[in-house]
Amino acid sequence: MSARLPPALEASAIMREAEARGGFAALLHRGDPDAGTILVLLRERGRVAALLERVLAVDGAYAWRSSPRVEPGNESGASLLLGERRRFDPDLWAIELDVAQAERFAAEWLAAR
């Protein structure tokens, strides 16, 4: 993805996409509308599937990566990482999605970006 969408717009689009597919979306932390990182806690049936983060790449575009610190099912790791990031980044946007077939949702969603 070469466009640099503001976090408020990107977060809203992510949440709408999950809800359009019959999932649940919740905003855990609202950051600055024009700046900040986006974290997406991806769940399937309430169980942690992944934690995705939007990062700024070397070429100035945004890219998405999966956090290696959070493994599927690692509830405490996800909570700790979200809490840590919120303390150190007041501009952070944190979103929680609970969708069917979470891995497939993430793959399709990331491929479209």
Protein backbone atom coordinates (compact mmCIF):
# COMPACT_ATOMS: atom_id res chain seq x y z
CA MET A 1 0.00 0.00 0.00
CA SER A 2 1.60 3.28 -1.04
CA ALA A 3 -0.95 5.72 0.37
CA ARG A 4 -0.48 7.02 3.88
CA LEU A 5 -3.97 6.92 5.32
CA PRO A 6 -4.48 8.68 8.64
CA PRO A 7 -4.92 6.22 11.53
CA ALA A 8 -8.48 7.38 12.24
CA LEU A 9 -9.55 6.51 8.70
CA GLU A 10 -7.64 3.22 8.59
CA ALA A 11 -8.96 2.11 11.99
CA SER A 12 -12.52 2.88 10.96
CA ALA A 13 -12.12 0.93 7.71
CA ILE A 14 -10.68 -2.09 9.55
CA MET A 15 -13.56 -2.15 12.00
CA ARG A 16 -16.18 -1.79 9.25
CA GLU A 17 -14.61 -4.65 7.27
CA ALA A 18 -14.74 -6.99 10.27
CA GLU A 19 -18.36 -6.08 11.00
CA ALA A 20 -19.32 -6.46 7.32
CA ARG A 21 -18.03 -10.04 7.53
CA GLY A 22 -20.20 -10.76 10.55
CA GLY A 23 -17.50 -10.17 13.15
CA PHE A 24 -17.21 -7.94 16.17
CA ALA A 25 -15.03 -4.82 16.35
CA ALA A 26 -14.18 -2.64 19.32
CA LEU A 27 -11.95 0.38 19.69
CA LEU A 28 -9.76 -0.24 22.75
CA HIS A 29 -7.78 3.01 22.57
CA ARG A 30 -8.27 6.10 20.42
CA GLY A 31 -5.07 7.84 19.42
CA ASP A 32 -4.32 10.97 17.45
CA PRO A 33 -6.53 11.08 14.32
CA ASP A 34 -3.57 11.98 12.08
CA ALA A 35 -0.64 10.20 13.69
CA GLY A 36 0.20 7.08 15.58
CA THR A 37 0.53 3.36 15.24
CA ILE A 38 -2.41 0.99 14.84
CA LEU A 39 -2.48 -2.31 16.70
CA VAL A 40 -5.11 -4.90 15.84
CA LEU A 41 -5.79 -7.66 18.36
CA LEU A 42 -7.30 -10.38 16.21
CA ARG A 43 -9.44 -13.01 17.92
CA GLU A 44 -11.42 -16.01 16.81
CA ARG A 45 -14.25 -17.06 19.16
CA GLY A 46 -12.68 -14.98 21.91
CA ARG A 47 -9.27 -16.64 21.62
CA VAL A 48 -6.22 -14.56 20.63
CA ALA A 49 -5.21 -15.39 17.06
CA ALA A 50 -2.63 -12.64 16.36
CA LEU A 51 -1.58 -9.10 17.11
CA LEU A 52 -0.97 -7.05 13.97
CA GLU A 53 0.77 -3.69 13.85
CA ARG A 54 0.86 -1.00 11.18
CA VAL A 55 4.43 0.27 10.86
CA LEU A 56 6.10 2.88 8.70
CA ALA A 57 8.43 1.23 6.18
CA VAL A 58 11.70 2.62 4.89
CA ASP A 59 10.04 3.80 1.66
CA GLY A 60 7.56 5.97 3.61
CA ALA A 61 4.59 3.65 3.05
CA TYR A 62 2.81 1.73 5.76
CA ALA A 63 3.17 -2.02 6.09
CA TRP A 64 1.52 -4.53 8.41
CA ARG A 65 3.42 -7.06 10.48
CA SER A 66 2.49 -9.68 13.01
CA SER A 67 3.94 -9.20 16.48
CA PRO A 68 6.33 -12.06 17.28
CA ARG A 69 5.71 -11.41 21.01
CA VAL A 70 2.10 -12.62 20.81
CA GLU A 71 1.41 -16.20 19.84
CA PRO A 72 -2.05 -17.63 19.19
CA GLY A 73 -3.85 -18.27 22.46
CA ASN A 74 -1.42 -16.11 24.48
CA GLU A 75 -3.95 -13.89 26.25
CA SER A 76 -1.54 -12.55 28.87
CA GLY A 77 1.10 -11.70 26.25
CA ALA A 78 -1.42 -9.74 24.21
CA SER A 79 -2.69 -7.84 27.27
CA LEU A 80 0.83 -7.03 28.44
CA LEU A 81 1.94 -5.79 25.04
CA LEU A 82 -1.16 -3.62 24.58
CA GLY A 83 -0.72 -2.10 28.04
CA GLU A 84 2.96 -1.46 27.46
CA ARG A 85 2.38 0.19 24.10
CA ARG A 86 -0.45 2.39 25.45
CA ARG A 87 1.82 3.68 28.24
CA PHE A 88 4.59 4.66 25.85
CA ASP A 89 2.58 5.83 22.83
CA PRO A 90 -0.36 8.14 23.59
CA ASP A 91 -1.08 8.36 19.84
CA LEU A 92 -1.65 4.58 19.61
CA TRP A 93 -4.85 3.21 18.09
CA ALA A 94 -5.77 -0.21 19.50
CA ILE A 95 -8.55 -2.27 17.92
CA GLU A 96 -9.95 -5.65 18.86
CA LEU A 97 -11.60 -7.81 16.22
CA ASP A 98 -13.33 -11.12 16.78
CA VAL A 99 -13.99 -12.77 13.45
CA ALA A 100 -14.64 -16.24 12.08
CA GLN A 101 -11.60 -17.79 10.43
CA ALA A 102 -9.26 -15.12 11.82
CA GLU A 103 -6.20 -16.27 9.87
CA ARG A 104 -8.11 -16.18 6.60
CA PHE A 105 -9.57 -12.76 7.43
CA ALA A 106 -6.09 -11.40 8.16
CA ALA A 107 -4.60 -12.87 4.99
CA GLU A 108 -7.37 -11.48 2.77
CA TRP A 109 -7.40 -8.12 4.50
CA LEU A 110 -3.61 -7.71 4.34
CA ALA A 111 -3.49 -8.82 0.69
CA ALA A 112 -5.92 -6.04 -0.19
CA ARG A 113 -3.64 -3.39 1.30
